[in-house]
Amino acid sequence: MVNCGDILRRANIPVTKGAKRKEKSQAAEGSSVRATISFPPELYKVLEDIARQKKVSLAWVVREAANDTSRRNGRCSAR
């Protein structure tokens, strides 16, 4: 079995143990935050169909759903 760390050390390349994540900065007022979201295939198809019918992006449909959920739960909406 090959150990990549050993190969990198022999090549005199520094090896970092564990991933170092950048601190998440606060979004500036009025700017958007990017997120990656996974959906079950059936739900994704439904969301795509809604977007197609309304002639909007899938992102718009997801933002609207998030805003609606936020309002129903008494939280501040993005609007």
PDB file of N, CA and C in Angstrom:
ATOM      1  N   MET A   1       0.842  -1.179   0.000  1.00  0.00           N
ATOM      2  CA  MET A   1       0.000   0.000   0.000  1.00  0.00           C
ATOM      3  C   MET A   1       0.885   1.240   0.000  1.00  0.00           C
ATOM      4  N   VAL A   2       0.555   2.205  -0.823  1.00  0.00           N
ATOM      5  CA  VAL A   2       1.327   3.436  -0.944  1.00  0.00           C
ATOM      6  C   VAL A   2       0.767   4.473   0.008  1.00  0.00           C
ATOM      7  N   ASN A   3       1.634   5.128   0.756  1.00  0.00           N
ATOM      8  CA  ASN A   3       1.234   6.194   1.656  1.00  0.00           C
ATOM      9  C   ASN A   3       1.585   7.520   0.986  1.00  0.00           C
ATOM     10  N   CYS A   4       0.581   8.266   0.594  1.00  0.00           N
ATOM     11  CA  CYS A   4       0.805   9.529  -0.115  1.00  0.00           C
ATOM     12  C   CYS A   4       1.636  10.501   0.703  1.00  0.00           C
ATOM     13  N   GLY A   5       1.449  10.508   2.016  1.00  0.00           N
ATOM     14  CA  GLY A   5       2.223  11.399   2.880  1.00  0.00           C
ATOM     15  C   GLY A   5       3.703  11.114   2.779  1.00  0.00           C
ATOM     16  N   ASP A   6       4.089   9.817   2.731  1.00  0.00           N
ATOM     17  CA  ASP A   6       5.501   9.453   2.594  1.00  0.00           C
ATOM     18  C   ASP A   6       6.067   9.943   1.273  1.00  0.00           C
ATOM     19  N   ILE A   7       5.309   9.801   0.202  1.00  0.00           N
ATOM     20  CA  ILE A   7       5.761  10.241  -1.115  1.00  0.00           C
ATOM     21  C   ILE A   7       5.974  11.749  -1.115  1.00  0.00           C
ATOM     22  N   LEU A   8       5.037  12.493  -0.546  1.00  0.00           N
ATOM     23  CA  LEU A   8       5.149  13.943  -0.510  1.00  0.00           C
ATOM     24  C   LEU A   8       6.332  14.392   0.345  1.00  0.00           C
ATOM     25  N   ARG A   9       6.566  13.707   1.475  1.00  0.00           N
ATOM     26  CA  ARG A   9       7.696  14.072   2.335  1.00  0.00           C
ATOM     27  C   ARG A   9       9.020  13.845   1.601  1.00  0.00           C
ATOM     28  N   ARG A  10       9.132  12.718   0.883  1.00  0.00           N
ATOM     29  CA  ARG A  10      10.358  12.431   0.120  1.00  0.00           C
ATOM     30  C   ARG A  10      10.588  13.492  -0.952  1.00  0.00           C
ATOM     31  N   ALA A  11       9.489  14.039  -1.493  1.00  0.00           N
ATOM     32  CA  ALA A  11       9.606  15.080  -2.518  1.00  0.00           C
ATOM     33  C   ALA A  11       9.773  16.458  -1.877  1.00  0.00           C
ATOM     34  N   ASN A  12       9.908  16.471  -0.559  1.00  0.00           N
ATOM     35  CA  ASN A  12      10.095  17.703   0.208  1.00  0.00           C
ATOM     36  C   ASN A  12       8.902  18.656   0.058  1.00  0.00           C
ATOM     37  N   ILE A  13       7.691  18.086   0.027  1.00  0.00           N
ATOM     38  CA  ILE A  13       6.459  18.869  -0.034  1.00  0.00           C
ATOM     39  C   ILE A  13       5.819  18.805   1.343  1.00  0.00           C
ATOM     40  N   PRO A  14       5.538  19.948   1.967  1.00  0.00           N
ATOM     41  CA  PRO A  14       4.944  19.915   3.317  1.00  0.00           C
ATOM     42  C   PRO A  14       3.574  19.227   3.306  1.00  0.00           C
ATOM     43  N   VAL A  15       3.320  18.451   4.344  1.00  0.00           N
ATOM     44  CA  VAL A  15       2.066  17.716   4.480  1.00  0.00           C
ATOM     45  C   VAL A  15       1.303  18.289   5.657  1.00  0.00           C
ATOM     46  N   THR A  16       0.047  18.648   5.439  1.00  0.00           N
ATOM     47  CA  THR A  16      -0.804  19.168   6.500  1.00  0.00           C
ATOM     48  C   THR A  16      -1.700  18.043   6.997  1.00  0.00           C
ATOM     49  N   LYS A  17      -1.757  17.855   8.281  1.00  0.00           N
ATOM     50  CA  LYS A  17      -2.628  16.827   8.849  1.00  0.00           C
ATOM     51  C   LYS A  17      -4.012  17.404   9.056  1.00  0.00           C
ATOM     52  N   GLY A  18      -5.017  16.799   8.481  1.00  0.00           N
ATOM     53  CA  GLY A  18      -6.398  17.239   8.645  1.00  0.00           C
ATOM     54  C   GLY A  18      -6.696  18.484   7.821  1.00  0.00           C
ATOM     55  N   ALA A  19      -7.935  18.581   7.424  1.00  0.00           N
ATOM     56  CA  ALA A  19      -8.358  19.726   6.611  1.00  0.00           C
ATOM     57  C   ALA A  19      -8.456  20.965   7.483  1.00  0.00           C
ATOM     58  N   LYS A  20      -7.988  22.053   6.966  1.00  0.00           N
ATOM     59  CA  LYS A  20      -8.122  23.332   7.664  1.00  0.00           C
ATOM     60  C   LYS A  20      -9.132  24.147   6.901  1.00  0.00           C
ATOM     61  N   ARG A  21     -10.233  24.446   7.541  1.00  0.00           N
ATOM     62  CA  ARG A  21     -11.295  25.203   6.887  1.00  0.00           C
ATOM     63  C   ARG A  21     -11.129  26.676   7.182  1.00  0.00           C
ATOM     64  N   LYS A  22     -11.478  27.466   6.173  1.00  0.00           N
ATOM     65  CA  LYS A  22     -11.493  28.914   6.374  1.00  0.00           C
ATOM     66  C   LYS A  22     -12.675  29.257   7.253  1.00  0.00           C
ATOM     67  N   GLU A  23     -12.507  30.287   8.063  1.00  0.00           N
ATOM     68  CA  GLU A  23     -13.635  30.763   8.850  1.00  0.00           C
ATOM     69  C   GLU A  23     -14.672  31.360   7.917  1.00  0.00           C
ATOM     70  N   LYS A  24     -15.929  31.066   8.178  1.00  0.00           N
ATOM     71  CA  LYS A  24     -16.992  31.622   7.344  1.00  0.00           C
ATOM     72  C   LYS A  24     -17.172  33.082   7.711  1.00  0.00           C
ATOM     73  N   SER A  25     -17.089  33.927   6.700  1.00  0.00           N
ATOM     74  CA  SER A  25     -17.276  35.353   6.959  1.00  0.00           C
ATOM     75  C   SER A  25     -18.765  35.676   6.875  1.00  0.00           C
ATOM     76  N   GLN A  26     -19.144  36.726   7.533  1.00  0.00           N
ATOM     77  CA  GLN A  26     -20.527  37.175   7.490  1.00  0.00           C
ATOM     78  C   GLN A  26     -20.790  37.822   6.147  1.00  0.00           C
ATOM     79  N   ALA A  27     -21.951  37.547   5.580  1.00  0.00           N
ATOM     80  CA  ALA A  27     -22.313  38.150   4.295  1.00  0.00           C
ATOM     81  C   ALA A  27     -22.565  39.638   4.496  1.00  0.00           C
ATOM     82  N   ALA A  28     -22.101  40.409   3.563  1.00  0.00           N
ATOM     83  CA  ALA A  28     -22.352  41.852   3.610  1.00  0.00           C
ATOM     84  C   ALA A  28     -23.838  42.090   3.395  1.00  0.00           C
ATOM     85  N   GLU A  29     -24.343  43.164   3.960  1.00  0.00           N
ATOM     86  CA  GLU A  29     -25.759  43.496   3.821  1.00  0.00           C
ATOM     87  C   GLU A  29     -26.144  43.555   2.341  1.00  0.00           C
ATOM     88  N   GLY A  30     -27.217  42.869   1.994  1.00  0.00           N
ATOM     89  CA  GLY A  30     -27.693  42.884   0.617  1.00  0.00           C
ATOM     90  C   GLY A  30     -27.040  41.851  -0.281  1.00  0.00           C
ATOM     91  N   SER A  31     -26.030  41.142   0.223  1.00  0.00           N
ATOM     92  CA  SER A  31     -25.384  40.136  -0.621  1.00  0.00           C
ATOM     93  C   SER A  31     -25.987  38.758  -0.325  1.00  0.00           C
ATOM     94  N   SER A  32     -25.692  37.809  -1.177  1.00  0.00           N
ATOM     95  CA  SER A  32     -26.214  36.456  -1.018  1.00  0.00           C
ATOM     96  C   SER A  32     -25.131  35.529  -0.502  1.00  0.00           C
ATOM     97  N   VAL A  33     -25.554  34.449   0.127  1.00  0.00           N
ATOM     98  CA  VAL A  33     -24.643  33.407   0.581  1.00  0.00           C
ATOM     99  C   VAL A  33     -24.906  32.186  -0.278  1.00  0.00           C
ATOM    100  N   ARG A  34     -23.859  31.569  -0.792  1.00  0.00           N
ATOM    101  CA  ARG A  34     -23.993  30.396  -1.651  1.00  0.00           C
ATOM    102  C   ARG A  34     -24.040  29.139  -0.791  1.00  0.00           C
ATOM    103  N   ALA A  35     -24.940  28.220  -1.159  1.00  0.00           N
ATOM    104  CA  ALA A  35     -25.065  26.955  -0.430  1.00  0.00           C
ATOM    105  C   ALA A  35     -25.229  25.816  -1.426  1.00  0.00           C
ATOM    106  N   THR A  36     -24.751  24.653  -1.045  1.00  0.00           N
ATOM    107  CA  THR A  36     -24.941  23.443  -1.843  1.00  0.00           C
ATOM    108  C   THR A  36     -25.938  22.571  -1.109  1.00  0.00           C
ATOM    109  N   ILE A  37     -27.002  22.176  -1.790  1.00  0.00           N
ATOM    110  CA  ILE A  37     -28.075  21.412  -1.159  1.00  0.00           C
ATOM    111  C   ILE A  37     -28.343  20.159  -1.975  1.00  0.00           C
ATOM    112  N   SER A  38     -28.538  19.044  -1.296  1.00  0.00           N
ATOM    113  CA  SER A  38     -28.881  17.787  -1.970  1.00  0.00           C
ATOM    114  C   SER A  38     -30.356  17.488  -1.750  1.00  0.00           C
ATOM    115  N   PHE A  39     -31.023  17.024  -2.806  1.00  0.00           N
ATOM    116  CA  PHE A  39     -32.435  16.670  -2.747  1.00  0.00           C
ATOM    117  C   PHE A  39     -32.613  15.219  -3.170  1.00  0.00           C
ATOM    118  N   PRO A  40     -33.619  14.548  -2.617  1.00  0.00           N
ATOM    119  CA  PRO A  40     -33.974  13.236  -3.169  1.00  0.00           C
ATOM    120  C   PRO A  40     -34.400  13.441  -4.625  1.00  0.00           C
ATOM    121  N   PRO A  41     -34.126  12.489  -5.500  1.00  0.00           N
ATOM    122  CA  PRO A  41     -34.431  12.664  -6.932  1.00  0.00           C
ATOM    123  C   PRO A  41     -35.880  13.049  -7.218  1.00  0.00           C
ATOM    124  N   GLU A  42     -36.827  12.482  -6.491  1.00  0.00           N
ATOM    125  CA  GLU A  42     -38.243  12.780  -6.748  1.00  0.00           C
ATOM    126  C   GLU A  42     -38.551  14.242  -6.446  1.00  0.00           C
ATOM    127  N   LEU A  43     -38.038  14.746  -5.323  1.00  0.00           N
ATOM    128  CA  LEU A  43     -38.266  16.137  -4.948  1.00  0.00           C
ATOM    129  C   LEU A  43     -37.594  17.076  -5.938  1.00  0.00           C
ATOM    130  N   TYR A  44     -36.394  16.727  -6.373  1.00  0.00           N
ATOM    131  CA  TYR A  44     -35.684  17.555  -7.340  1.00  0.00           C
ATOM    132  C   TYR A  44     -36.499  17.692  -8.620  1.00  0.00           C
ATOM    133  N   LYS A  45     -37.088  16.592  -9.078  1.00  0.00           N
ATOM    134  CA  LYS A  45     -37.911  16.629 -10.298  1.00  0.00           C
ATOM    135  C   LYS A  45     -39.124  17.536 -10.096  1.00  0.00           C
ATOM    136  N   VAL A  46     -39.769  17.449  -8.945  1.00  0.00           N
ATOM    137  CA  VAL A  46     -40.921  18.310  -8.652  1.00  0.00           C
ATOM    138  C   VAL A  46     -40.497  19.778  -8.678  1.00  0.00           C
ATOM    139  N   LEU A  47     -39.370  20.096  -8.049  1.00  0.00           N
ATOM    140  CA  LEU A  47     -38.895  21.478  -8.021  1.00  0.00           C
ATOM    141  C   LEU A  47     -38.544  21.980  -9.424  1.00  0.00           C
ATOM    142  N   GLU A  48     -37.920  21.109 -10.230  1.00  0.00           N
ATOM    143  CA  GLU A  48     -37.624  21.481 -11.619  1.00  0.00           C
ATOM    144  C   GLU A  48     -38.904  21.749 -12.402  1.00  0.00           C
ATOM    145  N   ASP A  49     -39.915  20.906 -12.200  1.00  0.00           N
ATOM    146  CA  ASP A  49     -41.199  21.083 -12.893  1.00  0.00           C
ATOM    147  C   ASP A  49     -41.846  22.413 -12.512  1.00  0.00           C
ATOM    148  N   ILE A  50     -41.810  22.744 -11.229  1.00  0.00           N
ATOM    149  CA  ILE A  50     -42.375  24.019 -10.765  1.00  0.00           C
ATOM    150  C   ILE A  50     -41.637  25.182 -11.420  1.00  0.00           C
ATOM    151  N   ALA A  51     -40.303  25.103 -11.432  1.00  0.00           N
ATOM    152  CA  ALA A  51     -39.498  26.169 -12.039  1.00  0.00           C
ATOM    153  C   ALA A  51     -39.829  26.322 -13.520  1.00  0.00           C
ATOM    154  N   ARG A  52     -39.976  25.218 -14.209  1.00  0.00           N
ATOM    155  CA  ARG A  52     -40.289  25.258 -15.638  1.00  0.00           C
ATOM    156  C   ARG A  52     -41.658  25.886 -15.876  1.00  0.00           C
ATOM    157  N   GLN A  53     -42.648  25.488 -15.062  1.00  0.00           N
ATOM    158  CA  GLN A  53     -44.007  26.025 -15.219  1.00  0.00           C
ATOM    159  C   GLN A  53     -44.050  27.526 -14.962  1.00  0.00           C
ATOM    160  N   LYS A  54     -43.315  27.978 -13.959  1.00  0.00           N
ATOM    161  CA  LYS A  54     -43.322  29.399 -13.601  1.00  0.00           C
ATOM    162  C   LYS A  54     -42.320  30.215 -14.410  1.00  0.00           C
ATOM    163  N   LYS A  55     -41.507  29.512 -15.215  1.00  0.00           N
ATOM    164  CA  LYS A  55     -40.466  30.150 -16.025  1.00  0.00           C
ATOM    165  C   LYS A  55     -39.488  30.942 -15.158  1.00  0.00           C
ATOM    166  N   VAL A  56     -39.027  30.276 -14.085  1.00  0.00           N
ATOM    167  CA  VAL A  56     -38.037  30.854 -13.177  1.00  0.00           C
ATOM    168  C   VAL A  56     -36.947  29.805 -12.954  1.00  0.00           C
ATOM    169  N   SER A  57     -35.904  30.194 -12.249  1.00  0.00           N
ATOM    170  CA  SER A  57     -34.814  29.255 -11.971  1.00  0.00           C
ATOM    171  C   SER A  57     -35.177  28.325 -10.810  1.00  0.00           C
ATOM    172  N   LEU A  58     -34.491  27.213 -10.750  1.00  0.00           N
ATOM    173  CA  LEU A  58     -34.651  26.289  -9.628  1.00  0.00           C
ATOM    174  C   LEU A  58     -34.265  26.996  -8.318  1.00  0.00           C
ATOM    175  N   ALA A  59     -33.224  27.816  -8.383  1.00  0.00           N
ATOM    176  CA  ALA A  59     -32.792  28.563  -7.195  1.00  0.00           C
ATOM    177  C   ALA A  59     -33.911  29.465  -6.679  1.00  0.00           C
ATOM    178  N   TRP A  60     -34.651  30.106  -7.592  1.00  0.00           N
ATOM    179  CA  TRP A  60     -35.760  30.972  -7.190  1.00  0.00           C
ATOM    180  C   TRP A  60     -36.820  30.158  -6.445  1.00  0.00           C
ATOM    181  N   VAL A  61     -37.151  28.978  -6.973  1.00  0.00           N
ATOM    182  CA  VAL A  61     -38.162  28.122  -6.332  1.00  0.00           C
ATOM    183  C   VAL A  61     -37.709  27.750  -4.920  1.00  0.00           C
ATOM    184  N   VAL A  62     -36.447  27.387  -4.769  1.00  0.00           N
ATOM    185  CA  VAL A  62     -35.926  26.993  -3.450  1.00  0.00           C
ATOM    186  C   VAL A  62     -35.927  28.186  -2.500  1.00  0.00           C
ATOM    187  N   ARG A  63     -35.514  29.371  -2.990  1.00  0.00           N
ATOM    188  CA  ARG A  63     -35.537  30.566  -2.126  1.00  0.00           C
ATOM    189  C   ARG A  63     -36.951  30.899  -1.681  1.00  0.00           C
ATOM    190  N   GLU A  64     -37.921  30.810  -2.602  1.00  0.00           N
ATOM    191  CA  GLU A  64     -39.316  31.074  -2.240  1.00  0.00           C
ATOM    192  C   GLU A  64     -39.802  30.094  -1.174  1.00  0.00           C
ATOM    193  N   ALA A  65     -39.472  28.819  -1.345  1.00  0.00           N
ATOM    194  CA  ALA A  65     -39.876  27.808  -0.361  1.00  0.00           C
ATOM    195  C   ALA A  65     -39.232  28.094   1.000  1.00  0.00           C
ATOM    196  N   ALA A  66     -37.966  28.502   0.990  1.00  0.00           N
ATOM    197  CA  ALA A  66     -37.277  28.826   2.245  1.00  0.00           C
ATOM    198  C   ALA A  66     -37.910  30.049   2.903  1.00  0.00           C
ATOM    199  N   ASN A  67     -38.236  31.068   2.099  1.00  0.00           N
ATOM    200  CA  ASN A  67     -38.898  32.258   2.645  1.00  0.00           C
ATOM    201  C   ASN A  67     -40.262  31.918   3.232  1.00  0.00           C
ATOM    202  N   ASP A  68     -41.043  31.101   2.519  1.00  0.00           N
ATOM    203  CA  ASP A  68     -42.361  30.703   3.015  1.00  0.00           C
ATOM    204  C   ASP A  68     -42.245  29.960   4.339  1.00  0.00           C
ATOM    205  N   THR A  69     -41.295  29.037   4.416  1.00  0.00           N
ATOM    206  CA  THR A  69     -41.087  28.269   5.647  1.00  0.00           C
ATOM    207  C   THR A  69     -40.661  29.193   6.776  1.00  0.00           C
ATOM    208  N   SER A  70     -39.787  30.133   6.472  1.00  0.00           N
ATOM    209  CA  SER A  70     -39.320  31.093   7.469  1.00  0.00           C
ATOM    210  C   SER A  70     -40.474  31.921   8.021  1.00  0.00           C
ATOM    211  N   ARG A  71     -41.332  32.414   7.129  1.00  0.00           N
ATOM    212  CA  ARG A  71     -42.485  33.210   7.565  1.00  0.00           C
ATOM    213  C   ARG A  71     -43.448  32.382   8.414  1.00  0.00           C
ATOM    214  N   ARG A  72     -43.729  31.153   7.989  1.00  0.00           N
ATOM    215  CA  ARG A  72     -44.649  30.293   8.750  1.00  0.00           C
ATOM    216  C   ARG A  72     -44.112  29.988  10.147  1.00  0.00           C
ATOM    217  N   ASN A  73     -42.814  30.001  10.298  1.00  0.00           N
ATOM    218  CA  ASN A  73     -42.203  29.717  11.601  1.00  0.00           C
ATOM    219  C   ASN A  73     -41.897  30.986  12.389  1.00  0.00           C
ATOM    220  N   GLY A  74     -42.468  32.103  11.946  1.00  0.00           N
ATOM    221  CA  GLY A  74     -42.309  33.347  12.690  1.00  0.00           C
ATOM    222  C   GLY A  74     -40.937  33.964  12.618  1.00  0.00           C
ATOM    223  N   ARG A  75     -40.163  33.563  11.631  1.00  0.00           N
ATOM    224  CA  ARG A  75     -38.826  34.132  11.477  1.00  0.00           C
ATOM    225  C   ARG A  75     -38.872  35.239  10.430  1.00  0.00           C
ATOM    226  N   CYS A  76     -37.896  36.056  10.429  1.00  0.00           N
ATOM    227  CA  CYS A  76     -37.795  37.136   9.461  1.00  0.00           C
ATOM    228  C   CYS A  76     -37.565  36.562   8.066  1.00  0.00           C
ATOM    229  N   SER A  77     -38.261  37.103   7.091  1.00  0.00           N
ATOM    230  CA  SER A  77     -38.017  36.633   5.727  1.00  0.00           C
ATOM    231  C   SER A  77     -36.999  37.526   5.057  1.00  0.00           C
ATOM    232  N   ALA A  78     -36.447  37.057   3.961  1.00  0.00           N
ATOM    233  CA  ALA A  78     -35.391  37.782   3.250  1.00  0.00           C
ATOM    234  C   ALA A  78     -35.921  39.018   2.538  1.00  0.00           C
ATOM    235  N   ARG A  79     -37.206  39.167   2.424  1.00  0.00           N
ATOM    236  CA  ARG A  79     -37.767  40.315   1.704  1.00  0.00           C
ATOM    237  C   ARG A  79     -38.036  41.475   2.601  1.00  0.00           C
TER     238      ARG A  79
END
